[in-house]
Amino acid sequence: MIYELYYWPGIQGRGEFVRLALEQAGTHYVDVAQDVGGEGTAIEKLERVLDRCGSPYPPYALPVLRAGDLVIAQTANILLYLGPRHGLAPADESGRLWAHQLQLTIMDWVSEIHDTHHPLGPTLHYEDQKAAARKRTTEFLRHRLPKFLGYFETVLERKPTGGGHLVGRALTYVDLSLFQAVDGLRYAFPRAMKKNGETYPLVSALHDRVAKGDRIAAYLASGRRVAFNENGIFRHYPELDAS
């Protein structure tokens, strides 16, 4: 099966969590916004899949994965589908539910990261909410960032099977997602993350181990990996990192 991934062009966003799973799986997929000719054509395709031509089951937002006749939306939902089919999730139900629970927590975290630079809402430009962004970021870096990092550090510490992965003995899509969250935070808040790196060594080690895996390392070095920029979820504004 050839998957089709629908996500906005020019940013990693929530689509990157799906891309990492597809890359690690080594399966063929079409990244519609990146692979079609011209941004205008890509946007038309993305808007059509969101509309679903009058379907009673339209997706609310991207990313969307087309897998044969299935059209699946929501990042955690897409990964819940892909994981068991490509060796990126535990075989047992309790393990799969635990992985999904961790993924949902990561997506909650991603929403909070986005809100550091857009605390008043995504329809306003960053420049129109800088004062609120500084206040929100100060709160995030002081309280919420340590809370999330500490939680995943605890999961790794308490895991009975060891092995440096969040779930089970092998790499899963949740490891890839935690890598992406940490990678994005290192871009957005390099000063804060450098300070936190020593406090949460197991999380840092997992990030580095994922980055060095053969398939992910090849993807990160390829031209297919969209660079972090100030249009996506993870944005580097020096004045916020100084918070």
C-alpha atoms as a PDB file:
ATOM      1  CA  MET A   1       0.000   0.000   0.000  1.00  0.00           C
ATOM      2  CA  ILE A   2       1.196   3.526  -0.818  1.00  0.00           C
ATOM      3  CA  TYR A   3       0.123   5.994   1.848  1.00  0.00           C
ATOM      4  CA  GLU A   4      -0.793   9.586   1.099  1.00  0.00           C
ATOM      5  CA  LEU A   5       0.024  12.141   3.796  1.00  0.00           C
ATOM      6  CA  TYR A   6      -1.791  15.443   3.670  1.00  0.00           C
ATOM      7  CA  TYR A   7      -0.269  18.329   5.581  1.00  0.00           C
ATOM      8  CA  TRP A   8       0.469  22.007   4.994  1.00  0.00           C
ATOM      9  CA  PRO A   9       3.574  22.809   2.905  1.00  0.00           C
ATOM     10  CA  GLY A  10       6.640  24.529   4.305  1.00  0.00           C
ATOM     11  CA  ILE A  11       6.283  23.499   7.969  1.00  0.00           C
ATOM     12  CA  GLN A  12       6.861  20.374  10.031  1.00  0.00           C
ATOM     13  CA  GLY A  13       3.885  20.899  12.326  1.00  0.00           C
ATOM     14  CA  ARG A  14       1.883  17.924  13.540  1.00  0.00           C
ATOM     15  CA  GLY A  15       2.494  16.184  10.238  1.00  0.00           C
ATOM     16  CA  GLU A  16       6.109  15.592  11.205  1.00  0.00           C
ATOM     17  CA  PHE A  17       5.109  13.108  13.899  1.00  0.00           C
ATOM     18  CA  VAL A  18       3.473  11.026  11.166  1.00  0.00           C
ATOM     19  CA  ARG A  19       6.385  11.462   8.755  1.00  0.00           C
ATOM     20  CA  LEU A  20       8.830  10.130  11.340  1.00  0.00           C
ATOM     21  CA  ALA A  21       6.743   6.982  11.789  1.00  0.00           C
ATOM     22  CA  LEU A  22       6.484   6.450   8.038  1.00  0.00           C
ATOM     23  CA  GLU A  23      10.221   6.981   7.623  1.00  0.00           C
ATOM     24  CA  GLN A  24      11.081   4.565  10.433  1.00  0.00           C
ATOM     25  CA  ALA A  25       8.680   2.007   8.953  1.00  0.00           C
ATOM     26  CA  GLY A  26      10.515   2.216   5.633  1.00  0.00           C
ATOM     27  CA  THR A  27       7.203   2.228   3.802  1.00  0.00           C
ATOM     28  CA  HIS A  28       6.493   4.160   0.631  1.00  0.00           C
ATOM     29  CA  TYR A  29       4.353   7.258   1.040  1.00  0.00           C
ATOM     30  CA  VAL A  30       3.481  10.379  -0.890  1.00  0.00           C
ATOM     31  CA  ASP A  31       3.811  13.637   1.024  1.00  0.00           C
ATOM     32  CA  VAL A  32       1.172  15.414  -1.017  1.00  0.00           C
ATOM     33  CA  ALA A  33       2.074  19.034  -0.205  1.00  0.00           C
ATOM     34  CA  GLN A  34       5.785  18.429  -0.787  1.00  0.00           C
ATOM     35  CA  ASP A  35       5.583  16.133  -3.797  1.00  0.00           C
ATOM     36  CA  VAL A  36       3.033  17.878  -6.045  1.00  0.00           C
ATOM     37  CA  GLY A  37       4.035  20.742  -8.286  1.00  0.00           C
ATOM     38  CA  GLY A  38       3.441  24.239  -6.927  1.00  0.00           C
ATOM     39  CA  GLU A  39       2.098  25.436  -3.602  1.00  0.00           C
ATOM     40  CA  GLY A  40      -1.240  26.496  -5.104  1.00  0.00           C
ATOM     41  CA  THR A  41      -1.891  23.002  -6.407  1.00  0.00           C
ATOM     42  CA  ALA A  42      -0.901  21.518  -3.058  1.00  0.00           C
ATOM     43  CA  ILE A  43      -3.289  23.775  -1.145  1.00  0.00           C
ATOM     44  CA  GLU A  44      -6.137  22.814  -3.464  1.00  0.00           C
ATOM     45  CA  LYS A  45      -5.493  19.136  -2.795  1.00  0.00           C
ATOM     46  CA  LEU A  46      -5.350  19.710   0.963  1.00  0.00           C
ATOM     47  CA  GLU A  47      -8.585  21.680   0.987  1.00  0.00           C
ATOM     48  CA  ARG A  48     -10.324  18.967  -1.033  1.00  0.00           C
ATOM     49  CA  VAL A  49      -9.323  16.240   1.420  1.00  0.00           C
ATOM     50  CA  LEU A  50     -10.582  18.379   4.304  1.00  0.00           C
ATOM     51  CA  ASP A  51     -13.921  18.849   2.563  1.00  0.00           C
ATOM     52  CA  ARG A  52     -14.129  15.145   1.617  1.00  0.00           C
ATOM     53  CA  CYS A  53     -16.582  16.115  -1.154  1.00  0.00           C
ATOM     54  CA  GLY A  54     -19.611  16.104   1.120  1.00  0.00           C
ATOM     55  CA  SER A  55     -18.645  13.016   3.115  1.00  0.00           C
ATOM     56  CA  PRO A  56     -20.491  12.592   6.446  1.00  0.00           C
ATOM     57  CA  TYR A  57     -17.085  11.916   8.060  1.00  0.00           C
ATOM     58  CA  PRO A  58     -14.994  14.993   7.173  1.00  0.00           C
ATOM     59  CA  PRO A  59     -11.724  15.518   9.082  1.00  0.00           C
ATOM     60  CA  TYR A  60     -11.542  18.643  11.204  1.00  0.00           C
ATOM     61  CA  ALA A  61      -7.920  19.480  10.422  1.00  0.00           C
ATOM     62  CA  LEU A  62      -4.675  18.169   8.958  1.00  0.00           C
ATOM     63  CA  PRO A  63      -2.721  15.922   9.143  1.00  0.00           C
ATOM     64  CA  VAL A  64      -4.751  13.369   7.235  1.00  0.00           C
ATOM     65  CA  LEU A  65      -3.489   9.977   6.104  1.00  0.00           C
ATOM     66  CA  ARG A  66      -5.106   8.151   3.216  1.00  0.00           C
ATOM     67  CA  ALA A  67      -4.565   4.401   3.502  1.00  0.00           C
ATOM     68  CA  GLY A  68      -6.462   2.694   0.697  1.00  0.00           C
ATOM     69  CA  ASP A  69     -10.133   3.454   1.308  1.00  0.00           C
ATOM     70  CA  LEU A  70      -9.443   4.775   4.816  1.00  0.00           C
ATOM     71  CA  VAL A  71      -9.077   8.478   5.492  1.00  0.00           C
ATOM     72  CA  ILE A  72      -7.656   8.975   8.998  1.00  0.00           C
ATOM     73  CA  ALA A  73      -7.232  12.282  10.813  1.00  0.00           C
ATOM     74  CA  GLN A  74      -5.687  13.418  14.120  1.00  0.00           C
ATOM     75  CA  THR A  75      -1.994  12.728  14.715  1.00  0.00           C
ATOM     76  CA  ALA A  76      -2.455  10.313  17.618  1.00  0.00           C
ATOM     77  CA  ASN A  77      -5.183   8.458  15.722  1.00  0.00           C
ATOM     78  CA  ILE A  78      -2.989   8.075  12.630  1.00  0.00           C
ATOM     79  CA  LEU A  79      -0.134   6.715  14.751  1.00  0.00           C
ATOM     80  CA  LEU A  80      -2.511   4.350  16.535  1.00  0.00           C
ATOM     81  CA  TYR A  81      -3.299   2.939  13.071  1.00  0.00           C
ATOM     82  CA  LEU A  82       0.256   2.837  11.730  1.00  0.00           C
ATOM     83  CA  GLY A  83       2.025   1.506  14.823  1.00  0.00           C
ATOM     84  CA  PRO A  84       0.792  -2.105  14.916  1.00  0.00           C
ATOM     85  CA  ARG A  85       1.024  -2.425  11.128  1.00  0.00           C
ATOM     86  CA  HIS A  86       4.705  -1.511  10.952  1.00  0.00           C
ATOM     87  CA  GLY A  87       6.246  -2.884  14.130  1.00  0.00           C
ATOM     88  CA  LEU A  88       6.101   0.467  15.897  1.00  0.00           C
ATOM     89  CA  ALA A  89       3.697  -0.511  18.686  1.00  0.00           C
ATOM     90  CA  PRO A  90       3.397  -3.376  21.164  1.00  0.00           C
ATOM     91  CA  ALA A  91       1.548  -6.507  20.066  1.00  0.00           C
ATOM     92  CA  ASP A  92      -0.641  -6.679  23.179  1.00  0.00           C
ATOM     93  CA  GLU A  93      -3.678  -4.481  23.773  1.00  0.00           C
ATOM     94  CA  SER A  94      -2.514  -3.076  27.099  1.00  0.00           C
ATOM     95  CA  GLY A  95       0.794  -2.070  25.515  1.00  0.00           C
ATOM     96  CA  ARG A  96      -0.945  -0.401  22.582  1.00  0.00           C
ATOM     97  CA  LEU A  97      -3.236   1.530  24.913  1.00  0.00           C
ATOM     98  CA  TRP A  98      -0.262   2.633  27.013  1.00  0.00           C
ATOM     99  CA  ALA A  99       1.525   3.845  23.880  1.00  0.00           C
ATOM    100  CA  HIS A 100      -1.601   5.723  22.780  1.00  0.00           C
ATOM    101  CA  GLN A 101      -1.921   7.297  26.229  1.00  0.00           C
ATOM    102  CA  LEU A 102       1.652   8.557  26.060  1.00  0.00           C
ATOM    103  CA  GLN A 103       1.086   9.879  22.547  1.00  0.00           C
ATOM    104  CA  LEU A 104      -1.990  11.817  23.666  1.00  0.00           C
ATOM    105  CA  THR A 105       0.109  13.343  26.455  1.00  0.00           C
ATOM    106  CA  ILE A 106       2.737  14.407  23.926  1.00  0.00           C
ATOM    107  CA  MET A 107       0.057  16.050  21.795  1.00  0.00           C
ATOM    108  CA  ASP A 108      -1.212  17.954  24.840  1.00  0.00           C
ATOM    109  CA  TRP A 109       2.363  19.115  25.352  1.00  0.00           C
ATOM    110  CA  VAL A 110       2.654  20.195  21.713  1.00  0.00           C
ATOM    111  CA  SER A 111      -0.458  22.359  22.096  1.00  0.00           C
ATOM    112  CA  GLU A 112       1.101  24.091  25.095  1.00  0.00           C
ATOM    113  CA  ILE A 113       4.337  24.641  23.169  1.00  0.00           C
ATOM    114  CA  HIS A 114       2.385  26.268  20.330  1.00  0.00           C
ATOM    115  CA  ASP A 115       0.623  28.552  22.791  1.00  0.00           C
ATOM    116  CA  THR A 116       3.896  30.032  24.029  1.00  0.00           C
ATOM    117  CA  HIS A 117       4.081  32.174  20.890  1.00  0.00           C
ATOM    118  CA  HIS A 118       0.322  32.383  20.187  1.00  0.00           C
ATOM    119  CA  PRO A 119      -1.338  32.584  23.625  1.00  0.00           C
ATOM    120  CA  LEU A 120      -4.227  34.742  22.391  1.00  0.00           C
ATOM    121  CA  GLY A 121      -5.035  32.523  19.422  1.00  0.00           C
ATOM    122  CA  PRO A 122      -3.707  31.504  15.996  1.00  0.00           C
ATOM    123  CA  THR A 123      -5.618  34.159  14.034  1.00  0.00           C
ATOM    124  CA  LEU A 124      -3.422  36.954  15.437  1.00  0.00           C
ATOM    125  CA  HIS A 125       0.176  37.495  14.325  1.00  0.00           C
ATOM    126  CA  TYR A 126       2.918  36.903  16.873  1.00  0.00           C
ATOM    127  CA  GLU A 127       3.764  40.615  16.765  1.00  0.00           C
ATOM    128  CA  ASP A 128       0.230  41.387  17.977  1.00  0.00           C
ATOM    129  CA  GLN A 129       0.586  39.290  21.137  1.00  0.00           C
ATOM    130  CA  LYS A 130       4.254  39.549  22.108  1.00  0.00           C
ATOM    131  CA  ALA A 131       3.597  40.752  25.654  1.00  0.00           C
ATOM    132  CA  ALA A 132       1.184  37.894  26.314  1.00  0.00           C
ATOM    133  CA  ALA A 133       3.614  35.462  24.660  1.00  0.00           C
ATOM    134  CA  ARG A 134       6.428  36.506  26.967  1.00  0.00           C
ATOM    135  CA  LYS A 135       4.211  36.021  30.006  1.00  0.00           C
ATOM    136  CA  ARG A 136       2.942  32.649  28.758  1.00  0.00           C
ATOM    137  CA  THR A 137       6.445  31.465  27.904  1.00  0.00           C
ATOM    138  CA  THR A 138       7.792  32.424  31.326  1.00  0.00           C
ATOM    139  CA  GLU A 139       5.082  30.286  32.899  1.00  0.00           C
ATOM    140  CA  PHE A 140       5.729  27.445  30.449  1.00  0.00           C
ATOM    141  CA  LEU A 141       9.495  27.351  30.958  1.00  0.00           C
ATOM    142  CA  ARG A 142       9.249  27.675  34.725  1.00  0.00           C
ATOM    143  CA  HIS A 143       6.475  25.172  35.395  1.00  0.00           C
ATOM    144  CA  ARG A 144       5.087  23.271  32.413  1.00  0.00           C
ATOM    145  CA  LEU A 145       8.318  22.312  30.642  1.00  0.00           C
ATOM    146  CA  PRO A 146       9.805  20.661  33.767  1.00  0.00           C
ATOM    147  CA  LYS A 147       6.482  18.958  34.447  1.00  0.00           C
ATOM    148  CA  PHE A 148       6.346  17.287  31.025  1.00  0.00           C
ATOM    149  CA  LEU A 149      10.057  16.470  30.859  1.00  0.00           C
ATOM    150  CA  GLY A 150       9.903  15.131  34.391  1.00  0.00           C
ATOM    151  CA  TYR A 151       6.947  12.927  33.549  1.00  0.00           C
ATOM    152  CA  PHE A 152       8.685  11.244  30.626  1.00  0.00           C
ATOM    153  CA  GLU A 153      11.888  10.921  32.638  1.00  0.00           C
ATOM    154  CA  THR A 154       9.846   9.099  35.294  1.00  0.00           C
ATOM    155  CA  VAL A 155       8.284   6.798  32.681  1.00  0.00           C
ATOM    156  CA  LEU A 156      11.761   5.834  31.480  1.00  0.00           C
ATOM    157  CA  GLU A 157      13.046   5.353  35.032  1.00  0.00           C
ATOM    158  CA  ARG A 158      10.159   3.128  36.118  1.00  0.00           C
ATOM    159  CA  LYS A 159       9.848   1.039  32.970  1.00  0.00           C
ATOM    160  CA  PRO A 160      10.266  -2.571  34.122  1.00  0.00           C
ATOM    161  CA  THR A 161      11.834  -3.879  30.908  1.00  0.00           C
ATOM    162  CA  GLY A 162      14.465  -1.149  30.649  1.00  0.00           C
ATOM    163  CA  GLY A 163      16.132  -0.718  27.288  1.00  0.00           C
ATOM    164  CA  GLY A 164      15.824   3.045  26.968  1.00  0.00           C
ATOM    165  CA  HIS A 165      12.433   3.036  25.205  1.00  0.00           C
ATOM    166  CA  LEU A 166       9.141   4.393  26.495  1.00  0.00           C
ATOM    167  CA  VAL A 167       7.096   1.288  25.705  1.00  0.00           C
ATOM    168  CA  GLY A 168       8.296  -2.304  25.483  1.00  0.00           C
ATOM    169  CA  ARG A 169      11.782  -3.413  24.485  1.00  0.00           C
ATOM    170  CA  ALA A 170      11.894  -1.911  20.981  1.00  0.00           C
ATOM    171  CA  LEU A 171      11.502   1.518  19.431  1.00  0.00           C
ATOM    172  CA  THR A 172       7.884   2.610  18.969  1.00  0.00           C
ATOM    173  CA  TYR A 173       6.153   5.602  17.439  1.00  0.00           C
ATOM    174  CA  VAL A 174       6.023   7.198  20.903  1.00  0.00           C
ATOM    175  CA  ASP A 175       9.830   7.283  21.032  1.00  0.00           C
ATOM    176  CA  LEU A 176       9.808   9.032  17.657  1.00  0.00           C
ATOM    177  CA  SER A 177       7.252  11.556  18.893  1.00  0.00           C
ATOM    178  CA  LEU A 178       9.174  12.315  22.067  1.00  0.00           C
ATOM    179  CA  PHE A 179      12.268  12.814  19.895  1.00  0.00           C
ATOM    180  CA  GLN A 180      10.355  15.323  17.762  1.00  0.00           C
ATOM    181  CA  ALA A 181       9.060  17.234  20.774  1.00  0.00           C
ATOM    182  CA  VAL A 182      12.532  17.486  22.312  1.00  0.00           C
ATOM    183  CA  ASP A 183      14.122  18.344  18.962  1.00  0.00           C
ATOM    184  CA  GLY A 184      11.623  21.132  18.411  1.00  0.00           C
ATOM    185  CA  LEU A 185      12.124  22.486  21.912  1.00  0.00           C
ATOM    186  CA  ARG A 186      15.893  22.519  21.416  1.00  0.00           C
ATOM    187  CA  TYR A 187      15.298  24.702  18.369  1.00  0.00           C
ATOM    188  CA  ALA A 188      12.737  26.980  20.033  1.00  0.00           C
ATOM    189  CA  PHE A 189      14.341  27.319  23.456  1.00  0.00           C
ATOM    190  CA  PRO A 190      18.025  26.368  23.181  1.00  0.00           C
ATOM    191  CA  ARG A 191      18.996  28.136  26.418  1.00  0.00           C
ATOM    192  CA  ALA A 192      16.213  26.574  28.465  1.00  0.00           C
ATOM    193  CA  MET A 193      16.741  23.112  27.000  1.00  0.00           C
ATOM    194  CA  LYS A 194      20.491  23.201  27.594  1.00  0.00           C
ATOM    195  CA  LYS A 195      19.771  23.835  31.255  1.00  0.00           C
ATOM    196  CA  ASN A 196      17.175  21.045  31.392  1.00  0.00           C
ATOM    197  CA  GLY A 197      19.268  18.494  29.513  1.00  0.00           C
ATOM    198  CA  GLU A 198      21.304  17.535  32.571  1.00  0.00           C
ATOM    199  CA  THR A 199      18.194  17.313  34.753  1.00  0.00           C
ATOM    200  CA  TYR A 200      16.463  14.807  32.468  1.00  0.00           C
ATOM    201  CA  PRO A 201      19.291  12.620  31.115  1.00  0.00           C
ATOM    202  CA  LEU A 202      17.114   9.657  30.070  1.00  0.00           C
ATOM    203  CA  VAL A 203      14.907  11.845  27.885  1.00  0.00           C
ATOM    204  CA  SER A 204      17.987  13.463  26.338  1.00  0.00           C
ATOM    205  CA  ALA A 205      19.579  10.072  25.718  1.00  0.00           C
ATOM    206  CA  LEU A 206      16.417   8.767  24.033  1.00  0.00           C
ATOM    207  CA  HIS A 207      16.347  11.809  21.731  1.00  0.00           C
ATOM    208  CA  ASP A 208      19.970  11.295  20.730  1.00  0.00           C
ATOM    209  CA  ARG A 209      19.513   7.563  20.209  1.00  0.00           C
ATOM    210  CA  VAL A 210      16.531   8.068  17.899  1.00  0.00           C
ATOM    211  CA  ALA A 211      18.449  10.677  15.883  1.00  0.00           C
ATOM    212  CA  LYS A 212      21.270   8.190  15.294  1.00  0.00           C
ATOM    213  CA  GLY A 213      19.047   5.336  14.070  1.00  0.00           C
ATOM    214  CA  ASP A 214      19.796   4.439  10.459  1.00  0.00           C
ATOM    215  CA  ARG A 215      16.464   5.410   8.907  1.00  0.00           C
ATOM    216  CA  ILE A 216      15.853   8.522  10.978  1.00  0.00           C
ATOM    217  CA  ALA A 217      19.440   9.726  10.540  1.00  0.00           C
ATOM    218  CA  ALA A 218      19.073   9.326   6.773  1.00  0.00           C
ATOM    219  CA  TYR A 219      15.781  11.222   6.830  1.00  0.00           C
ATOM    220  CA  LEU A 220      17.177  14.060   8.948  1.00  0.00           C
ATOM    221  CA  ALA A 221      20.058  14.457   6.491  1.00  0.00           C
ATOM    222  CA  SER A 222      17.801  14.390   3.442  1.00  0.00           C
ATOM    223  CA  GLY A 223      16.202  17.264   1.598  1.00  0.00           C
ATOM    224  CA  ARG A 224      12.797  15.834   2.484  1.00  0.00           C
ATOM    225  CA  ARG A 225      13.028  17.007   6.083  1.00  0.00           C
ATOM    226  CA  VAL A 226      11.482  20.481   6.326  1.00  0.00           C
ATOM    227  CA  ALA A 227      13.672  22.719   8.475  1.00  0.00           C
ATOM    228  CA  PHE A 228      12.310  24.265  11.640  1.00  0.00           C
ATOM    229  CA  ASN A 229      11.116  27.793  10.977  1.00  0.00           C
ATOM    230  CA  GLU A 230       9.014  30.569  12.453  1.00  0.00           C
ATOM    231  CA  ASN A 231       5.797  29.436  10.768  1.00  0.00           C
ATOM    232  CA  GLY A 232       5.365  26.122  12.542  1.00  0.00           C
ATOM    233  CA  ILE A 233       4.723  24.878  16.064  1.00  0.00           C
ATOM    234  CA  PHE A 234       8.314  25.201  17.256  1.00  0.00           C
ATOM    235  CA  ARG A 235       9.515  28.780  16.769  1.00  0.00           C
ATOM    236  CA  HIS A 236      12.687  30.415  17.975  1.00  0.00           C
ATOM    237  CA  TYR A 237      12.156  33.955  19.206  1.00  0.00           C
ATOM    238  CA  PRO A 238      15.250  34.984  21.208  1.00  0.00           C
ATOM    239  CA  GLU A 239      13.202  37.253  23.450  1.00  0.00           C
ATOM    240  CA  LEU A 240      11.053  34.297  24.526  1.00  0.00           C
ATOM    241  CA  ASP A 241      14.026  32.006  25.156  1.00  0.00           C
ATOM    242  CA  ALA A 242      15.421  34.732  27.393  1.00  0.00           C
ATOM    243  CA  SER A 243      12.272  34.461  29.514  1.00  0.00           C
END
